[in-house]
């Protein structure tokens, strides 16, 4: 007949359970750390891209304003030139 040593089984089970809990806690901490690092990296990347997009939009608005100002000045110069021609005739 097979001899069962109950205290040895209890000690082995407790050791295996303790190692399992330590291993689970370690993996949980590693997962949380890696997740937070990746989240921070991606958040910074998205924030940086959003900031760049806002800067580009601001620059586009500025360029449009400059183009409009140039067009307005050219129209004024053209009207002035037409007025000068009329005076000459």
PDB file of N, CA and C in Angstrom:
ATOM      1  N   UNK A   1       0.811  -1.161   0.000  1.00  0.00           N
ATOM      2  CA  UNK A   1       0.000   0.000   0.000  1.00  0.00           C
ATOM      3  C   UNK A   1       0.875   1.252   0.000  1.00  0.00           C
ATOM      4  N   UNK A   2       0.354   2.327  -0.613  1.00  0.00           N
ATOM      5  CA  UNK A   2       1.082   3.581  -0.759  1.00  0.00           C
ATOM      6  C   UNK A   2       1.011   4.366   0.544  1.00  0.00           C
ATOM      7  N   UNK A   3       2.187   4.753   1.027  1.00  0.00           N
ATOM      8  CA  UNK A   3       2.234   5.510   2.266  1.00  0.00           C
ATOM      9  C   UNK A   3       2.111   6.996   1.939  1.00  0.00           C
ATOM     10  N   UNK A   4       1.178   7.694   2.565  1.00  0.00           N
ATOM     11  CA  UNK A   4       0.944   9.116   2.330  1.00  0.00           C
ATOM     12  C   UNK A   4       1.437   9.880   3.548  1.00  0.00           C
ATOM     13  N   UNK A   5       2.348  10.806   3.303  1.00  0.00           N
ATOM     14  CA  UNK A   5       2.886  11.623   4.383  1.00  0.00           C
ATOM     15  C   UNK A   5       2.168  12.982   4.349  1.00  0.00           C
ATOM     16  N   UNK A   6       1.130  13.119   5.167  1.00  0.00           N
ATOM     17  CA  UNK A   6       0.275  14.304   5.154  1.00  0.00           C
ATOM     18  C   UNK A   6       1.056  15.578   5.463  1.00  0.00           C
ATOM     19  N   UNK A   7       1.902  15.600   6.479  1.00  0.00           N
ATOM     20  CA  UNK A   7       2.641  16.840   6.742  1.00  0.00           C
ATOM     21  C   UNK A   7       3.520  17.258   5.557  1.00  0.00           C
ATOM     22  N   UNK A   8       4.142  16.289   4.900  1.00  0.00           N
ATOM     23  CA  UNK A   8       4.984  16.611   3.747  1.00  0.00           C
ATOM     24  C   UNK A   8       4.142  17.199   2.604  1.00  0.00           C
ATOM     25  N   UNK A   9       2.950  16.640   2.392  1.00  0.00           N
ATOM     26  CA  UNK A   9       2.064  17.157   1.352  1.00  0.00           C
ATOM     27  C   UNK A   9       1.626  18.584   1.683  1.00  0.00           C
ATOM     28  N   UNK A  10       1.281  18.853   2.943  1.00  0.00           N
ATOM     29  CA  UNK A  10       0.883  20.193   3.350  1.00  0.00           C
ATOM     30  C   UNK A  10       2.031  21.201   3.180  1.00  0.00           C
ATOM     31  N   UNK A  11       3.231  20.824   3.562  1.00  0.00           N
ATOM     32  CA  UNK A  11       4.391  21.702   3.425  1.00  0.00           C
ATOM     33  C   UNK A  11       4.666  21.979   1.949  1.00  0.00           C
ATOM     34  N   UNK A  12       4.628  20.965   1.123  1.00  0.00           N
ATOM     35  CA  UNK A  12       4.868  21.131  -0.310  1.00  0.00           C
ATOM     36  C   UNK A  12       3.795  22.027  -0.937  1.00  0.00           C
ATOM     37  N   UNK A  13       2.548  21.801  -0.572  1.00  0.00           N
ATOM     38  CA  UNK A  13       1.457  22.618  -1.108  1.00  0.00           C
ATOM     39  C   UNK A  13       1.614  24.078  -0.688  1.00  0.00           C
ATOM     40  N   UNK A  14       1.989  24.304   0.571  1.00  0.00           N
ATOM     41  CA  UNK A  14       2.181  25.671   1.051  1.00  0.00           C
ATOM     42  C   UNK A  14       3.337  26.340   0.309  1.00  0.00           C
ATOM     43  N   UNK A  15       4.411  25.609   0.079  1.00  0.00           N
ATOM     44  CA  UNK A  15       5.567  26.166  -0.632  1.00  0.00           C
ATOM     45  C   UNK A  15       5.190  26.514  -2.076  1.00  0.00           C
ATOM     46  N   UNK A  16       4.492  25.605  -2.719  1.00  0.00           N
ATOM     47  CA  UNK A  16       4.083  25.841  -4.110  1.00  0.00           C
ATOM     48  C   UNK A  16       3.121  27.030  -4.184  1.00  0.00           C
ATOM     49  N   UNK A  17       2.178  27.115  -3.245  1.00  0.00           N
ATOM     50  CA  UNK A  17       1.235  28.234  -3.216  1.00  0.00           C
ATOM     51  C   UNK A  17       1.970  29.555  -2.970  1.00  0.00           C
ATOM     52  N   UNK A  18       2.920  29.558  -2.036  1.00  0.00           N
ATOM     53  CA  UNK A  18       3.691  30.770  -1.745  1.00  0.00           C
ATOM     54  C   UNK A  18       4.500  31.230  -2.948  1.00  0.00           C
ATOM     55  N   UNK A  19       5.142  30.282  -3.615  1.00  0.00           N
ATOM     56  CA  UNK A  19       5.909  30.620  -4.820  1.00  0.00           C
ATOM     57  C   UNK A  19       4.968  31.137  -5.904  1.00  0.00           C
ATOM     58  N   UNK A  20       3.808  30.510  -6.027  1.00  0.00           N
ATOM     59  CA  UNK A  20       2.826  30.962  -7.018  1.00  0.00           C
ATOM     60  C   UNK A  20       2.354  32.386  -6.749  1.00  0.00           C
ATOM     61  N   UNK A  21       2.090  32.719  -5.485  1.00  0.00           N
ATOM     62  CA  UNK A  21       1.656  34.075  -5.140  1.00  0.00           C
ATOM     63  C   UNK A  21       2.757  35.101  -5.423  1.00  0.00           C
ATOM     64  N   UNK A  22       3.993  34.754  -5.074  1.00  0.00           N
ATOM     65  CA  UNK A  22       5.110  35.661  -5.345  1.00  0.00           C
ATOM     66  C   UNK A  22       5.255  35.861  -6.861  1.00  0.00           C
ATOM     67  N   UNK A  23       5.162  34.772  -7.620  1.00  0.00           N
ATOM     68  CA  UNK A  23       5.281  34.845  -9.077  1.00  0.00           C
ATOM     69  C   UNK A  23       4.153  35.685  -9.680  1.00  0.00           C
ATOM     70  N   UNK A  24       2.921  35.510  -9.170  1.00  0.00           N
ATOM     71  CA  UNK A  24       1.768  36.287  -9.643  1.00  0.00           C
ATOM     72  C   UNK A  24       1.970  37.773  -9.343  1.00  0.00           C
ATOM     73  N   UNK A  25       2.407  38.086  -8.119  1.00  0.00           N
ATOM     74  CA  UNK A  25       2.619  39.478  -7.731  1.00  0.00           C
ATOM     75  C   UNK A  25       3.709  40.120  -8.593  1.00  0.00           C
ATOM     76  N   UNK A  26       4.774  39.387  -8.857  1.00  0.00           N
ATOM     77  CA  UNK A  26       5.854  39.893  -9.705  1.00  0.00           C
ATOM     78  C   UNK A  26       5.346  40.184 -11.119  1.00  0.00           C
ATOM     79  N   UNK A  27       4.613  39.240 -11.699  1.00  0.00           N
ATOM     80  CA  UNK A  27       4.080  39.441 -13.052  1.00  0.00           C
ATOM     81  C   UNK A  27       3.094  40.610 -13.100  1.00  0.00           C
ATOM     82  N   UNK A  28       2.288  40.771 -12.069  1.00  0.00           N
ATOM     83  CA  UNK A  28       1.341  41.878 -12.009  1.00  0.00           C
ATOM     84  C   UNK A  28       2.083  43.214 -11.982  1.00  0.00           C
ATOM     85  N   UNK A  29       3.134  43.312 -11.173  1.00  0.00           N
ATOM     86  CA  UNK A  29       3.909  44.551 -11.094  1.00  0.00           C
ATOM     87  C   UNK A  29       4.621  44.845 -12.414  1.00  0.00           C
ATOM     88  N   UNK A  30       5.151  43.822 -13.049  1.00  0.00           N
ATOM     89  CA  UNK A  30       5.802  44.016 -14.346  1.00  0.00           C
ATOM     90  C   UNK A  30       4.792  44.502 -15.368  1.00  0.00           C
ATOM     91  N   UNK A  31       3.628  43.887 -15.412  1.00  0.00           N
ATOM     92  CA  UNK A  31       2.577  44.290 -16.361  1.00  0.00           C
ATOM     93  C   UNK A  31       2.174  45.747 -16.138  1.00  0.00           C
ATOM     94  N   UNK A  32       1.919  46.118 -14.882  1.00  0.00           N
ATOM     95  CA  UNK A  32       1.505  47.492 -14.589  1.00  0.00           C
ATOM     96  C   UNK A  32       2.594  48.496 -14.967  1.00  0.00           C
ATOM     97  N   UNK A  33       3.844  48.166 -14.689  1.00  0.00           N
ATOM     98  CA  UNK A  33       4.942  49.072 -15.018  1.00  0.00           C
ATOM     99  C   UNK A  33       5.065  49.256 -16.520  1.00  0.00           C
ATOM    100  N   UNK A  34       5.062  48.158 -17.257  1.00  0.00           N
ATOM    101  CA  UNK A  34       5.180  48.240 -18.714  1.00  0.00           C
ATOM    102  C   UNK A  34       3.978  48.969 -19.300  1.00  0.00           C
ATOM    103  N   UNK A  35       2.787  48.684 -18.799  1.00  0.00           N
ATOM    104  CA  UNK A  35       1.577  49.345 -19.294  1.00  0.00           C
ATOM    105  C   UNK A  35       1.650  50.853 -19.068  1.00  0.00           C
ATOM    106  N   UNK A  36       2.065  51.270 -17.868  1.00  0.00           N
ATOM    107  CA  UNK A  36       2.172  52.699 -17.571  1.00  0.00           C
ATOM    108  C   UNK A  36       3.234  53.376 -18.442  1.00  0.00           C
ATOM    109  N   UNK A  37       4.355  52.697 -18.676  1.00  0.00           N
ATOM    110  CA  UNK A  37       5.394  53.273 -19.534  1.00  0.00           C
ATOM    111  C   UNK A  37       4.887  53.444 -20.962  1.00  0.00           C
ATOM    112  N   UNK A  38       4.225  52.423 -21.475  1.00  0.00           N
ATOM    113  CA  UNK A  38       3.694  52.524 -22.834  1.00  0.00           C
ATOM    114  C   UNK A  38       2.607  53.581 -22.928  1.00  0.00           C
ATOM    115  N   UNK A  39       1.750  53.636 -21.941  1.00  0.00           N
ATOM    116  CA  UNK A  39       0.682  54.627 -21.927  1.00  0.00           C
ATOM    117  C   UNK A  39       1.261  56.038 -21.901  1.00  0.00           C
ATOM    118  N   UNK A  40       2.273  56.242 -21.078  1.00  0.00           N
ATOM    119  CA  UNK A  40       2.918  57.548 -21.013  1.00  0.00           C
ATOM    120  C   UNK A  40       3.587  57.912 -22.322  1.00  0.00           C
ATOM    121  N   UNK A  41       4.231  56.953 -22.947  1.00  0.00           N
ATOM    122  CA  UNK A  41       4.897  57.199 -24.220  1.00  0.00           C
ATOM    123  C   UNK A  41       3.886  57.546 -25.292  1.00  0.00           C
ATOM    124  N   UNK A  42       2.816  56.796 -25.383  1.00  0.00           N
ATOM    125  CA  UNK A  42       1.795  57.058 -26.391  1.00  0.00           C
ATOM    126  C   UNK A  42       1.077  58.362 -26.125  1.00  0.00           C
ATOM    127  N   UNK A  43       0.798  58.665 -24.858  1.00  0.00           N
ATOM    128  CA  UNK A  43       0.121  59.911 -24.527  1.00  0.00           C
ATOM    129  C   UNK A  43       0.997  61.091 -24.934  1.00  0.00           C
ATOM    130  N   UNK A  44       2.300  61.020 -24.625  1.00  0.00           N
ATOM    131  CA  UNK A  44       3.209  62.088 -25.022  1.00  0.00           C
ATOM    132  C   UNK A  44       3.249  62.219 -26.533  1.00  0.00           C
ATOM    133  N   UNK A  45       3.249  61.094 -27.217  1.00  0.00           N
ATOM    134  CA  UNK A  45       3.290  61.124 -28.675  1.00  0.00           C
ATOM    135  C   UNK A  45       2.031  61.793 -29.222  1.00  0.00           C
ATOM    136  N   UNK A  46       0.866  61.427 -28.698  1.00  0.00           N
ATOM    137  CA  UNK A  46      -0.384  62.019 -29.165  1.00  0.00           C
ATOM    138  C   UNK A  46      -0.445  63.503 -28.835  1.00  0.00           C
ATOM    139  N   UNK A  47       0.002  63.866 -27.633  1.00  0.00           N
ATOM    140  CA  UNK A  47       0.001  65.274 -27.250  1.00  0.00           C
ATOM    141  C   UNK A  47       0.954  66.070 -28.135  1.00  0.00           C
ATOM    142  N   UNK A  48       2.103  65.483 -28.426  1.00  0.00           N
ATOM    143  CA  UNK A  48       3.076  66.154 -29.298  1.00  0.00           C
ATOM    144  C   UNK A  48       2.492  66.335 -30.702  1.00  0.00           C
ATOM    145  N   UNK A  49       1.837  65.308 -31.221  1.00  0.00           N
ATOM    146  CA  UNK A  49       1.224  65.415 -32.550  1.00  0.00           C
ATOM    147  C   UNK A  49       0.114  66.463 -32.554  1.00  0.00           C
ATOM    148  N   UNK A  50      -0.698  66.485 -31.508  1.00  0.00           N
ATOM    149  CA  UNK A  50      -1.775  67.475 -31.422  1.00  0.00           C
ATOM    150  C   UNK A  50      -1.187  68.883 -31.367  1.00  0.00           C
ATOM    151  N   UNK A  51      -0.101  69.062 -30.625  1.00  0.00           N
ATOM    152  CA  UNK A  51       0.547  70.368 -30.541  1.00  0.00           C
ATOM    153  C   UNK A  51       1.089  70.787 -31.902  1.00  0.00           C
ATOM    154  N   UNK A  52       1.712  69.849 -32.612  1.00  0.00           N
ATOM    155  CA  UNK A  52       2.245  70.156 -33.939  1.00  0.00           C
ATOM    156  C   UNK A  52       1.128  70.511 -34.917  1.00  0.00           C
ATOM    157  N   UNK A  53       0.014  69.794 -34.832  1.00  0.00           N
ATOM    158  CA  UNK A  53      -1.127  70.084 -35.714  1.00  0.00           C
ATOM    159  C   UNK A  53      -1.649  71.492 -35.437  1.00  0.00           C
ATOM    160  N   UNK A  54      -1.746  71.867 -34.162  1.00  0.00           N
ATOM    161  CA  UNK A  54      -2.210  73.212 -33.825  1.00  0.00           C
ATOM    162  C   UNK A  54      -1.240  74.263 -34.353  1.00  0.00           C
ATOM    163  N   UNK A  55       0.058  74.007 -34.243  1.00  0.00           N
ATOM    164  CA  UNK A  55       1.049  74.950 -34.766  1.00  0.00           C
ATOM    165  C   UNK A  55       0.929  75.084 -36.283  1.00  0.00           C
ATOM    166  N   UNK A  56       0.731  73.963 -36.967  1.00  0.00           N
ATOM    167  CA  UNK A  56       0.598  73.991 -38.428  1.00  0.00           C
ATOM    168  C   UNK A  56      -0.667  74.752 -38.822  1.00  0.00           C
ATOM    169  N   UNK A  57      -1.776  74.496 -38.120  1.00  0.00           N
ATOM    170  CA  UNK A  57      -3.010  75.225 -38.414  1.00  0.00           C
ATOM    171  C   UNK A  57      -2.827  76.722 -38.189  1.00  0.00           C
ATOM    172  N   UNK A  58      -2.114  77.089 -37.133  1.00  0.00           N
ATOM    173  CA  UNK A  58      -1.848  78.500 -36.859  1.00  0.00           C
ATOM    174  C   UNK A  58      -1.005  79.109 -37.976  1.00  0.00           C
ATOM    175  N   UNK A  59      -0.007  78.367 -38.437  1.00  0.00           N
ATOM    176  CA  UNK A  59       0.847  78.846 -39.523  1.00  0.00           C
ATOM    177  C   UNK A  59       0.051  78.983 -40.823  1.00  0.00           C
ATOM    178  N   UNK A  60      -0.851  78.055 -41.086  1.00  0.00           N
ATOM    179  CA  UNK A  60      -1.696  78.128 -42.290  1.00  0.00           C
ATOM    180  C   UNK A  60      -2.581  79.377 -42.232  1.00  0.00           C
ATOM    181  N   UNK A  61      -3.183  79.652 -41.059  1.00  0.00           N
ATOM    182  CA  UNK A  61      -3.999  80.862 -40.915  1.00  0.00           C
ATOM    183  C   UNK A  61      -3.154  82.113 -41.156  1.00  0.00           C
ATOM    184  N   UNK A  62      -1.935  82.119 -40.622  1.00  0.00           N
ATOM    185  CA  UNK A  62      -1.055  83.269 -40.817  1.00  0.00           C
ATOM    186  C   UNK A  62      -0.722  83.456 -42.293  1.00  0.00           C
ATOM    187  N   UNK A  63      -0.432  82.371 -42.989  1.00  0.00           N
ATOM    188  CA  UNK A  63      -0.103  82.441 -44.418  1.00  0.00           C
ATOM    189  C   UNK A  63      -1.300  82.953 -45.210  1.00  0.00           C
ATOM    190  N   UNK A  64      -2.498  82.475 -44.872  1.00  0.00           N
ATOM    191  CA  UNK A  64      -3.705  82.954 -45.558  1.00  0.00           C
ATOM    192  C   UNK A  64      -3.900  84.452 -45.337  1.00  0.00           C
ATOM    193  N   UNK A  65      -3.647  84.905 -44.118  1.00  0.00           N
ATOM    194  CA  UNK A  65      -3.774  86.339 -43.833  1.00  0.00           C
ATOM    195  C   UNK A  65      -2.767  87.145 -44.643  1.00  0.00           C
ATOM    196  N   UNK A  66      -1.539  86.644 -44.743  1.00  0.00           N
ATOM    197  CA  UNK A  66      -0.515  87.343 -45.518  1.00  0.00           C
ATOM    198  C   UNK A  66      -0.900  87.370 -46.994  1.00  0.00           C
ATOM    199  N   UNK A  67      -1.388  86.243 -47.515  1.00  0.00           N
ATOM    200  CA  UNK A  67      -1.820  86.202 -48.913  1.00  0.00           C
ATOM    201  C   UNK A  67      -2.952  87.189 -49.160  1.00  0.00           C
ATOM    202  N   UNK A  68      -3.897  87.259 -48.235  1.00  0.00           N
ATOM    203  CA  UNK A  68      -5.014  88.192 -48.371  1.00  0.00           C
ATOM    204  C   UNK A  68      -4.509  89.630 -48.349  1.00  0.00           C
ATOM    205  N   UNK A  69      -3.564  89.923 -47.474  1.00  0.00           N
ATOM    206  CA  UNK A  69      -2.986  91.268 -47.401  1.00  0.00           C
ATOM    207  C   UNK A  69      -2.256  91.613 -48.697  1.00  0.00           C
ATOM    208  N   UNK A  70      -1.498  90.669 -49.241  1.00  0.00           N
ATOM    209  CA  UNK A  70      -0.789  90.889 -50.504  1.00  0.00           C
ATOM    210  C   UNK A  70      -1.796  91.132 -51.626  1.00  0.00           C
ATOM    211  N   UNK A  71      -2.857  90.333 -51.671  1.00  0.00           N
ATOM    212  CA  UNK A  71      -3.879  90.507 -52.703  1.00  0.00           C
ATOM    213  C   UNK A  71      -4.527  91.884 -52.577  1.00  0.00           C
ATOM    214  N   UNK A  72      -4.820  92.303 -51.359  1.00  0.00           N
ATOM    215  CA  UNK A  72      -5.438  93.606 -51.135  1.00  0.00           C
ATOM    216  C   UNK A  72      -4.505  94.739 -51.589  1.00  0.00           C
ATOM    217  N   UNK A  73      -3.221  94.633 -51.257  1.00  0.00           N
ATOM    218  CA  UNK A  73      -2.249  95.655 -51.664  1.00  0.00           C
ATOM    219  C   UNK A  73      -2.126  95.705 -53.179  1.00  0.00           C
ATOM    220  N   UNK A  74      -2.083  94.531 -53.818  1.00  0.00           N
ATOM    221  CA  UNK A  74      -1.989  94.491 -55.277  1.00  0.00           C
ATOM    222  C   UNK A  74      -3.214  95.136 -55.921  1.00  0.00           C
ATOM    223  N   UNK A  75      -4.402  94.886 -55.358  1.00  0.00           N
ATOM    224  CA  UNK A  75      -5.621  95.505 -55.891  1.00  0.00           C
ATOM    225  C   UNK A  75      -5.569  97.022 -55.731  1.00  0.00           C
ATOM    226  N   UNK A  76      -5.094  97.480 -54.580  1.00  0.00           N
ATOM    227  CA  UNK A  76      -4.983  98.921 -54.365  1.00  0.00           C
ATOM    228  C   UNK A  76      -3.991  99.545 -55.353  1.00  0.00           C
ATOM    229  N   UNK A  77      -2.862  98.867 -55.559  1.00  0.00           N
ATOM    230  CA  UNK A  77      -1.868  99.380 -56.515  1.00  0.00           C
ATOM    231  C   UNK A  77      -2.440  99.405 -57.934  1.00  0.00           C
ATOM    232  N   UNK A  78      -3.201  98.353 -58.272  1.00  0.00           N
ATOM    233  CA  UNK A  78      -3.803  98.294 -59.604  1.00  0.00           C
ATOM    234  C   UNK A  78      -4.830  99.417 -59.769  1.00  0.00           C
ATOM    235  N   UNK A  79      -5.657  99.650 -58.740  1.00  0.00           N
ATOM    236  CA  UNK A  79      -6.628 100.746 -58.808  1.00  0.00           C
ATOM    237  C   UNK A  79      -5.917 102.095 -58.915  1.00  0.00           C
ATOM    238  N   UNK A  80      -4.826 102.247 -58.195  1.00  0.00           N
ATOM    239  CA  UNK A  80      -4.064 103.482 -58.249  1.00  0.00           C
ATOM    240  C   UNK A  80      -3.449 103.680 -59.630  1.00  0.00           C
ATOM    241  N   UNK A  81      -2.952 102.592 -60.225  1.00  0.00           N
ATOM    242  CA  UNK A  81      -2.362 102.671 -61.557  1.00  0.00           C
ATOM    243  C   UNK A  81      -3.445 103.037 -62.577  1.00  0.00           C
ATOM    244  N   UNK A  82      -4.620 102.452 -62.446  1.00  0.00           N
ATOM    245  CA  UNK A  82      -5.725 102.769 -63.358  1.00  0.00           C
ATOM    246  C   UNK A  82      -6.113 104.245 -63.189  1.00  0.00           C
ATOM    247  N   UNK A  83      -6.157 104.741 -61.967  1.00  0.00           N
ATOM    248  CA  UNK A  83      -6.470 106.122 -61.707  1.00  0.00           C
ATOM    249  C   UNK A  83      -5.441 107.067 -62.299  1.00  0.00           C
ATOM    250  N   UNK A  84      -4.167 106.697 -62.232  1.00  0.00           N
ATOM    251  CA  UNK A  84      -3.097 107.506 -62.796  1.00  0.00           C
ATOM    252  C   UNK A  84      -3.207 107.546 -64.323  1.00  0.00           C
ATOM    253  N   UNK A  85      -3.592 106.435 -64.926  1.00  0.00           N
ATOM    254  CA  UNK A  85      -3.750 106.401 -66.384  1.00  0.00           C
ATOM    255  C   UNK A  85      -4.896 107.310 -66.831  1.00  0.00           C
ATOM    256  N   UNK A  86      -5.989 107.277 -66.030  1.00  0.00           N
ATOM    257  CA  UNK A  86      -7.121 108.143 -66.374  1.00  0.00           C
ATOM    258  C   UNK A  86      -6.750 109.616 -66.287  1.00  0.00           C
ATOM    259  N   UNK A  87      -5.916 109.952 -65.328  1.00  0.00           N
ATOM    260  CA  UNK A  87      -5.500 111.342 -65.171  1.00  0.00           C
ATOM    261  C   UNK A  87      -4.645 111.776 -66.366  1.00  0.00           C
ATOM    262  N   UNK A  88      -3.827 110.867 -66.873  1.00  0.00           N
ATOM    263  CA  UNK A  88      -2.947 111.169 -67.994  1.00  0.00           C
ATOM    264  C   UNK A  88      -3.744 111.397 -69.276  1.00  0.00           C
ATOM    265  N   UNK A  89      -4.871 110.743 -69.451  1.00  0.00           N
ATOM    266  CA  UNK A  89      -5.647 110.884 -70.676  1.00  0.00           C
ATOM    267  C   UNK A  89      -6.460 112.073 -70.598  1.00  0.00           C
TER     268      UNK A  89
END
